[in-house]
């Protein structure tokens, strides 16, 4: 019994010694492998317009970038395009001031993306980045019901009644951009983007103006 107790005490001492030696070695390794602390180098928001084969999207986003060239963004984009269910004989006799009076479908995209930046070490006036992440999609689709018109002086409007249904799904957003941080507070983004979803996948290009803490101060 006494031998067992002595063995247990010896094991406890050995374990304690191993613990302290391991912790000391770990501290030494951490000190020797110390790296600069990651810090926030940019935080800004932007908005702009895009070009695409079907419709013209508009959007806004907020972005942050860390000193290790990783970051993230949240964005909202709305794509407006001619209703895909539009009847061939659709006619609208309303007095139209803005637009063509043709009903549209609406695709609202809410995205959360991870960002990887690539910047030249000798300058802070140019940046390139790739963003990717999931998106929540809300699709409002126009539907039409025929409504005969009498074409009298008091009968204006379309020969179809229009109503909308809304469906939601998830998709994937991808974006490649080139940035020009012109000042610490203002910049321009040029980007190519795509969103893949089951309602209306598309690809396009866009230009954004950005405001905020766009870049750090450039030392002379």
C-alpha atoms as a PDB file:
ATOM      1  CA  UNK A   1       0.000   0.000   0.000  1.00  0.00           C
ATOM      2  CA  UNK A   2       2.837   2.310   0.883  1.00  0.00           C
ATOM      3  CA  UNK A   3       4.505   1.607  -2.454  1.00  0.00           C
ATOM      4  CA  UNK A   4       1.313   2.479  -4.296  1.00  0.00           C
ATOM      5  CA  UNK A   5       1.037   5.826  -2.484  1.00  0.00           C
ATOM      6  CA  UNK A   6       4.662   6.620  -3.227  1.00  0.00           C
ATOM      7  CA  UNK A   7       4.163   5.779  -6.888  1.00  0.00           C
ATOM      8  CA  UNK A   8       1.105   8.062  -7.091  1.00  0.00           C
ATOM      9  CA  UNK A   9       3.070  10.930  -5.500  1.00  0.00           C
ATOM     10  CA  UNK A  10       5.922  10.380  -7.945  1.00  0.00           C
ATOM     11  CA  UNK A  11       3.502  10.440 -10.881  1.00  0.00           C
ATOM     12  CA  UNK A  12       2.020  13.703  -9.601  1.00  0.00           C
ATOM     13  CA  UNK A  13       5.471  15.293  -9.378  1.00  0.00           C
ATOM     14  CA  UNK A  14       6.364  14.104 -12.883  1.00  0.00           C
ATOM     15  CA  UNK A  15       3.106  15.454 -14.295  1.00  0.00           C
ATOM     16  CA  UNK A  16       3.665  18.820 -12.625  1.00  0.00           C
ATOM     17  CA  UNK A  17       7.214  19.017 -13.982  1.00  0.00           C
ATOM     18  CA  UNK A  18       5.969  18.122 -17.456  1.00  0.00           C
ATOM     19  CA  UNK A  19       3.251  20.759 -17.213  1.00  0.00           C
ATOM     20  CA  UNK A  20       5.636  23.544 -16.204  1.00  0.00           C
ATOM     21  CA  UNK A  21       8.254  22.562 -18.756  1.00  0.00           C
ATOM     22  CA  UNK A  22       5.657  22.424 -21.518  1.00  0.00           C
ATOM     23  CA  UNK A  23       4.174  25.780 -20.580  1.00  0.00           C
ATOM     24  CA  UNK A  24       7.611  27.393 -20.485  1.00  0.00           C
ATOM     25  CA  UNK A  25       8.504  25.950 -23.886  1.00  0.00           C
ATOM     26  CA  UNK A  26       5.180  27.104 -25.285  1.00  0.00           C
ATOM     27  CA  UNK A  27       5.753  30.611 -23.994  1.00  0.00           C
ATOM     28  CA  UNK A  28       9.202  30.624 -25.508  1.00  0.00           C
ATOM     29  CA  UNK A  29       7.874  29.417 -28.833  1.00  0.00           C
ATOM     30  CA  UNK A  30       5.114  32.020 -28.801  1.00  0.00           C
ATOM     31  CA  UNK A  31       7.647  34.746 -28.090  1.00  0.00           C
ATOM     32  CA  UNK A  32       9.943  33.533 -30.844  1.00  0.00           C
ATOM     33  CA  UNK A  33       7.084  33.288 -33.333  1.00  0.00           C
ATOM     34  CA  UNK A  34       5.442  36.573 -32.351  1.00  0.00           C
ATOM     35  CA  UNK A  35       3.761  38.343 -35.260  1.00  0.00           C
ATOM     36  CA  UNK A  36       2.408  41.862 -35.553  1.00  0.00           C
ATOM     37  CA  UNK A  37      -1.059  42.247 -34.094  1.00  0.00           C
ATOM     38  CA  UNK A  38      -3.849  42.224 -36.654  1.00  0.00           C
ATOM     39  CA  UNK A  39      -5.556  45.601 -36.839  1.00  0.00           C
ATOM     40  CA  UNK A  40      -8.310  47.313 -38.771  1.00  0.00           C
ATOM     41  CA  UNK A  41      -6.911  49.355 -41.676  1.00  0.00           C
ATOM     42  CA  UNK A  42     -10.101  50.266 -43.558  1.00  0.00           C
ATOM     43  CA  UNK A  43     -13.829  50.491 -42.880  1.00  0.00           C
ATOM     44  CA  UNK A  44     -16.073  52.128 -45.428  1.00  0.00           C
ATOM     45  CA  UNK A  45     -19.397  52.044 -47.272  1.00  0.00           C
ATOM     46  CA  UNK A  46     -20.248  52.537 -50.903  1.00  0.00           C
ATOM     47  CA  UNK A  47     -22.984  52.567 -53.480  1.00  0.00           C
ATOM     48  CA  UNK A  48     -23.353  52.539 -57.221  1.00  0.00           C
ATOM     49  CA  UNK A  49     -24.868  51.177 -60.407  1.00  0.00           C
ATOM     50  CA  UNK A  50     -24.117  48.252 -62.637  1.00  0.00           C
ATOM     51  CA  UNK A  51     -24.529  46.958 -66.153  1.00  0.00           C
ATOM     52  CA  UNK A  52     -25.902  43.562 -67.083  1.00  0.00           C
ATOM     53  CA  UNK A  53     -27.497  41.705 -69.951  1.00  0.00           C
ATOM     54  CA  UNK A  54     -30.899  41.830 -68.275  1.00  0.00           C
ATOM     55  CA  UNK A  55     -31.623  45.000 -66.336  1.00  0.00           C
ATOM     56  CA  UNK A  56     -29.570  47.526 -64.421  1.00  0.00           C
ATOM     57  CA  UNK A  57     -28.751  46.642 -60.803  1.00  0.00           C
ATOM     58  CA  UNK A  58     -28.069  49.140 -58.052  1.00  0.00           C
ATOM     59  CA  UNK A  59     -26.525  48.391 -54.693  1.00  0.00           C
ATOM     60  CA  UNK A  60     -24.819  49.432 -51.481  1.00  0.00           C
ATOM     61  CA  UNK A  61     -22.262  47.732 -49.247  1.00  0.00           C
ATOM     62  CA  UNK A  62     -20.167  48.120 -46.101  1.00  0.00           C
ATOM     63  CA  UNK A  63     -16.652  46.656 -46.011  1.00  0.00           C
ATOM     64  CA  UNK A  64     -13.849  46.197 -43.517  1.00  0.00           C
ATOM     65  CA  UNK A  65     -10.215  45.226 -44.209  1.00  0.00           C
ATOM     66  CA  UNK A  66      -7.643  43.976 -41.698  1.00  0.00           C
ATOM     67  CA  UNK A  67      -3.874  44.415 -41.810  1.00  0.00           C
ATOM     68  CA  UNK A  68      -3.468  40.760 -42.860  1.00  0.00           C
ATOM     69  CA  UNK A  69      -5.403  41.590 -46.063  1.00  0.00           C
ATOM     70  CA  UNK A  70      -8.485  39.623 -45.018  1.00  0.00           C
ATOM     71  CA  UNK A  71     -11.854  41.197 -44.366  1.00  0.00           C
ATOM     72  CA  UNK A  72     -15.537  40.988 -45.011  1.00  0.00           C
ATOM     73  CA  UNK A  73     -18.535  42.820 -46.396  1.00  0.00           C
ATOM     74  CA  UNK A  74     -22.306  42.973 -46.214  1.00  0.00           C
ATOM     75  CA  UNK A  75     -24.228  44.189 -49.219  1.00  0.00           C
ATOM     76  CA  UNK A  76     -27.641  44.769 -50.721  1.00  0.00           C
ATOM     77  CA  UNK A  77     -28.266  44.734 -54.453  1.00  0.00           C
ATOM     78  CA  UNK A  78     -31.544  45.140 -56.352  1.00  0.00           C
ATOM     79  CA  UNK A  79     -31.814  43.998 -59.951  1.00  0.00           C
ATOM     80  CA  UNK A  80     -34.772  45.295 -61.947  1.00  0.00           C
ATOM     81  CA  UNK A  81     -35.617  43.710 -65.300  1.00  0.00           C
ATOM     82  CA  UNK A  82     -38.573  43.370 -67.662  1.00  0.00           C
ATOM     83  CA  UNK A  83     -41.128  40.869 -66.364  1.00  0.00           C
ATOM     84  CA  UNK A  84     -40.410  37.475 -67.833  1.00  0.00           C
ATOM     85  CA  UNK A  85     -44.157  36.645 -67.927  1.00  0.00           C
ATOM     86  CA  UNK A  86     -45.000  39.782 -69.935  1.00  0.00           C
ATOM     87  CA  UNK A  87     -47.706  38.949 -72.540  1.00  0.00           C
ATOM     88  CA  UNK A  88     -46.803  39.647 -76.158  1.00  0.00           C
ATOM     89  CA  UNK A  89     -49.944  41.745 -76.631  1.00  0.00           C
ATOM     90  CA  UNK A  90     -49.429  43.813 -73.487  1.00  0.00           C
ATOM     91  CA  UNK A  91     -50.525  47.409 -74.036  1.00  0.00           C
ATOM     92  CA  UNK A  92     -50.322  50.338 -71.651  1.00  0.00           C
ATOM     93  CA  UNK A  93     -52.100  53.559 -72.622  1.00  0.00           C
ATOM     94  CA  UNK A  94     -51.370  55.349 -69.345  1.00  0.00           C
ATOM     95  CA  UNK A  95     -49.734  58.756 -69.380  1.00  0.00           C
ATOM     96  CA  UNK A  96     -46.126  57.834 -68.511  1.00  0.00           C
ATOM     97  CA  UNK A  97     -43.678  60.506 -67.339  1.00  0.00           C
ATOM     98  CA  UNK A  98     -40.787  58.292 -66.231  1.00  0.00           C
ATOM     99  CA  UNK A  99     -39.993  54.896 -67.699  1.00  0.00           C
ATOM    100  CA  UNK A 100     -41.811  52.926 -70.374  1.00  0.00           C
ATOM    101  CA  UNK A 101     -44.740  51.688 -68.277  1.00  0.00           C
ATOM    102  CA  UNK A 102     -43.739  48.047 -68.734  1.00  0.00           C
ATOM    103  CA  UNK A 103     -44.001  45.975 -65.504  1.00  0.00           C
ATOM    104  CA  UNK A 104     -40.765  44.634 -64.066  1.00  0.00           C
ATOM    105  CA  UNK A 105     -39.585  41.744 -61.953  1.00  0.00           C
ATOM    106  CA  UNK A 106     -37.462  42.570 -58.893  1.00  0.00           C
ATOM    107  CA  UNK A 107     -34.567  40.538 -57.498  1.00  0.00           C
ATOM    108  CA  UNK A 108     -33.319  41.677 -54.057  1.00  0.00           C
ATOM    109  CA  UNK A 109     -29.991  40.195 -52.952  1.00  0.00           C
ATOM    110  CA  UNK A 110     -28.618  40.370 -49.396  1.00  0.00           C
ATOM    111  CA  UNK A 111     -25.059  39.019 -49.165  1.00  0.00           C
ATOM    112  CA  UNK A 112     -22.450  38.362 -46.480  1.00  0.00           C
ATOM    113  CA  UNK A 113     -19.032  37.814 -48.042  1.00  0.00           C
ATOM    114  CA  UNK A 114     -15.463  37.041 -47.015  1.00  0.00           C
ATOM    115  CA  UNK A 115     -12.884  39.317 -48.633  1.00  0.00           C
ATOM    116  CA  UNK A 116      -9.266  38.689 -49.631  1.00  0.00           C
ATOM    117  CA  UNK A 117      -7.273  41.745 -50.713  1.00  0.00           C
ATOM    118  CA  UNK A 118      -4.145  41.867 -52.871  1.00  0.00           C
ATOM    119  CA  UNK A 119      -2.296  45.171 -52.736  1.00  0.00           C
ATOM    120  CA  UNK A 120       1.089  46.377 -53.919  1.00  0.00           C
ATOM    121  CA  UNK A 121       3.533  46.801 -51.060  1.00  0.00           C
ATOM    122  CA  UNK A 122       4.991  50.003 -52.444  1.00  0.00           C
ATOM    123  CA  UNK A 123       1.699  51.878 -52.643  1.00  0.00           C
ATOM    124  CA  UNK A 124      -1.670  52.125 -50.913  1.00  0.00           C
ATOM    125  CA  UNK A 125      -3.391  53.773 -53.851  1.00  0.00           C
ATOM    126  CA  UNK A 126      -4.318  50.514 -55.594  1.00  0.00           C
ATOM    127  CA  UNK A 127      -6.028  47.392 -54.262  1.00  0.00           C
ATOM    128  CA  UNK A 128      -7.486  44.270 -55.781  1.00  0.00           C
ATOM    129  CA  UNK A 129      -9.890  41.965 -54.022  1.00  0.00           C
ATOM    130  CA  UNK A 130     -12.020  38.848 -54.316  1.00  0.00           C
ATOM    131  CA  UNK A 131     -15.267  38.426 -52.352  1.00  0.00           C
ATOM    132  CA  UNK A 132     -17.400  35.319 -51.958  1.00  0.00           C
ATOM    133  CA  UNK A 133     -20.226  34.257 -49.687  1.00  0.00           C
ATOM    134  CA  UNK A 134     -23.858  33.214 -49.267  1.00  0.00           C
ATOM    135  CA  UNK A 135     -26.796  35.408 -50.172  1.00  0.00           C
ATOM    136  CA  UNK A 136     -30.478  35.612 -49.326  1.00  0.00           C
ATOM    137  CA  UNK A 137     -32.658  36.176 -52.384  1.00  0.00           C
ATOM    138  CA  UNK A 138     -36.138  37.709 -52.534  1.00  0.00           C
ATOM    139  CA  UNK A 139     -37.725  37.502 -55.992  1.00  0.00           C
ATOM    140  CA  UNK A 140     -40.893  39.475 -56.808  1.00  0.00           C
ATOM    141  CA  UNK A 141     -42.381  38.164 -60.040  1.00  0.00           C
ATOM    142  CA  UNK A 142     -45.111  39.932 -62.049  1.00  0.00           C
ATOM    143  CA  UNK A 143     -48.178  37.993 -63.190  1.00  0.00           C
ATOM    144  CA  UNK A 144     -50.854  39.167 -65.589  1.00  0.00           C
ATOM    145  CA  UNK A 145     -54.612  38.740 -65.970  1.00  0.00           C
ATOM    146  CA  UNK A 146     -56.294  39.925 -69.141  1.00  0.00           C
ATOM    147  CA  UNK A 147     -58.652  42.890 -68.761  1.00  0.00           C
ATOM    148  CA  UNK A 148     -60.465  44.095 -71.901  1.00  0.00           C
ATOM    149  CA  UNK A 149     -60.204  47.813 -72.678  1.00  0.00           C
ATOM    150  CA  UNK A 150     -62.912  49.987 -74.211  1.00  0.00           C
ATOM    151  CA  UNK A 151     -60.391  52.614 -75.419  1.00  0.00           C
ATOM    152  CA  UNK A 152     -62.670  55.480 -74.376  1.00  0.00           C
ATOM    153  CA  UNK A 153     -61.466  58.889 -73.256  1.00  0.00           C
ATOM    154  CA  UNK A 154     -61.817  57.794 -69.657  1.00  0.00           C
ATOM    155  CA  UNK A 155     -60.232  54.375 -70.026  1.00  0.00           C
ATOM    156  CA  UNK A 156     -56.533  54.628 -69.421  1.00  0.00           C
ATOM    157  CA  UNK A 157     -54.113  51.930 -68.397  1.00  0.00           C
ATOM    158  CA  UNK A 158     -53.117  48.484 -69.462  1.00  0.00           C
ATOM    159  CA  UNK A 159     -55.107  45.707 -71.062  1.00  0.00           C
ATOM    160  CA  UNK A 160     -53.786  43.445 -68.288  1.00  0.00           C
ATOM    161  CA  UNK A 161     -54.122  43.622 -64.529  1.00  0.00           C
ATOM    162  CA  UNK A 162     -50.759  43.061 -62.854  1.00  0.00           C
ATOM    163  CA  UNK A 163     -50.120  41.395 -59.510  1.00  0.00           C
ATOM    164  CA  UNK A 164     -46.977  40.120 -57.831  1.00  0.00           C
ATOM    165  CA  UNK A 165     -45.882  37.013 -55.947  1.00  0.00           C
ATOM    166  CA  UNK A 166     -42.725  36.858 -53.847  1.00  0.00           C
ATOM    167  CA  UNK A 167     -40.510  33.846 -53.271  1.00  0.00           C
ATOM    168  CA  UNK A 168     -37.308  33.486 -51.261  1.00  0.00           C
ATOM    169  CA  UNK A 169     -34.254  31.306 -51.651  1.00  0.00           C
ATOM    170  CA  UNK A 170     -30.498  31.240 -51.016  1.00  0.00           C
ATOM    171  CA  UNK A 171     -27.694  31.771 -53.497  1.00  0.00           C
ATOM    172  CA  UNK A 172     -23.972  32.405 -53.856  1.00  0.00           C
ATOM    173  CA  UNK A 173     -22.412  35.814 -54.550  1.00  0.00           C
ATOM    174  CA  UNK A 174     -18.982  36.278 -56.140  1.00  0.00           C
ATOM    175  CA  UNK A 175     -17.244  39.581 -56.805  1.00  0.00           C
ATOM    176  CA  UNK A 176     -13.810  40.601 -58.151  1.00  0.00           C
ATOM    177  CA  UNK A 177     -12.877  44.255 -57.749  1.00  0.00           C
ATOM    178  CA  UNK A 178     -10.191  46.833 -58.391  1.00  0.00           C
ATOM    179  CA  UNK A 179     -10.064  49.725 -55.926  1.00  0.00           C
ATOM    180  CA  UNK A 180      -8.634  53.212 -56.182  1.00  0.00           C
ATOM    181  CA  UNK A 181      -8.486  54.719 -52.655  1.00  0.00           C
ATOM    182  CA  UNK A 182      -7.955  58.267 -53.905  1.00  0.00           C
ATOM    183  CA  UNK A 183      -7.870  59.785 -50.412  1.00  0.00           C
ATOM    184  CA  UNK A 184      -8.181  58.486 -46.858  1.00  0.00           C
ATOM    185  CA  UNK A 185     -11.930  59.115 -47.015  1.00  0.00           C
ATOM    186  CA  UNK A 186     -12.930  58.632 -50.663  1.00  0.00           C
ATOM    187  CA  UNK A 187     -12.402  56.012 -53.330  1.00  0.00           C
ATOM    188  CA  UNK A 188     -13.746  54.291 -56.443  1.00  0.00           C
ATOM    189  CA  UNK A 189     -14.409  50.598 -57.040  1.00  0.00           C
ATOM    190  CA  UNK A 190     -14.689  48.802 -60.374  1.00  0.00           C
ATOM    191  CA  UNK A 191     -16.066  45.276 -60.070  1.00  0.00           C
ATOM    192  CA  UNK A 192     -17.275  42.236 -61.980  1.00  0.00           C
ATOM    193  CA  UNK A 193     -19.833  40.160 -60.114  1.00  0.00           C
ATOM    194  CA  UNK A 194     -22.207  37.248 -60.350  1.00  0.00           C
ATOM    195  CA  UNK A 195     -24.975  35.729 -58.284  1.00  0.00           C
ATOM    196  CA  UNK A 196     -26.038  32.126 -58.660  1.00  0.00           C
ATOM    197  CA  UNK A 197     -29.584  31.278 -57.577  1.00  0.00           C
ATOM    198  CA  UNK A 198     -32.515  29.215 -58.788  1.00  0.00           C
ATOM    199  CA  UNK A 199     -34.644  32.192 -59.858  1.00  0.00           C
ATOM    200  CA  UNK A 200     -32.405  34.405 -61.966  1.00  0.00           C
ATOM    201  CA  UNK A 201     -28.631  33.874 -62.050  1.00  0.00           C
ATOM    202  CA  UNK A 202     -26.704  36.670 -63.725  1.00  0.00           C
ATOM    203  CA  UNK A 203     -23.312  38.277 -64.300  1.00  0.00           C
ATOM    204  CA  UNK A 204     -22.432  41.941 -64.718  1.00  0.00           C
ATOM    205  CA  UNK A 205     -20.111  44.852 -63.990  1.00  0.00           C
ATOM    206  CA  UNK A 206     -20.496  47.833 -61.669  1.00  0.00           C
ATOM    207  CA  UNK A 207     -18.875  51.002 -60.432  1.00  0.00           C
ATOM    208  CA  UNK A 208     -19.140  52.170 -56.800  1.00  0.00           C
ATOM    209  CA  UNK A 209     -18.166  55.327 -54.961  1.00  0.00           C
ATOM    210  CA  UNK A 210     -16.861  54.630 -51.445  1.00  0.00           C
ATOM    211  CA  UNK A 211     -16.769  56.845 -48.352  1.00  0.00           C
ATOM    212  CA  UNK A 212     -15.331  56.306 -44.879  1.00  0.00           C
ATOM    213  CA  UNK A 213     -11.948  55.158 -43.693  1.00  0.00           C
ATOM    214  CA  UNK A 214     -10.928  53.980 -47.145  1.00  0.00           C
ATOM    215  CA  UNK A 215      -7.187  53.653 -46.506  1.00  0.00           C
ATOM    216  CA  UNK A 216      -4.451  54.564 -44.073  1.00  0.00           C
ATOM    217  CA  UNK A 217      -2.448  57.732 -44.365  1.00  0.00           C
ATOM    218  CA  UNK A 218       0.416  57.457 -46.818  1.00  0.00           C
ATOM    219  CA  UNK A 219       3.705  58.446 -45.211  1.00  0.00           C
ATOM    220  CA  UNK A 220       5.840  60.827 -47.303  1.00  0.00           C
END
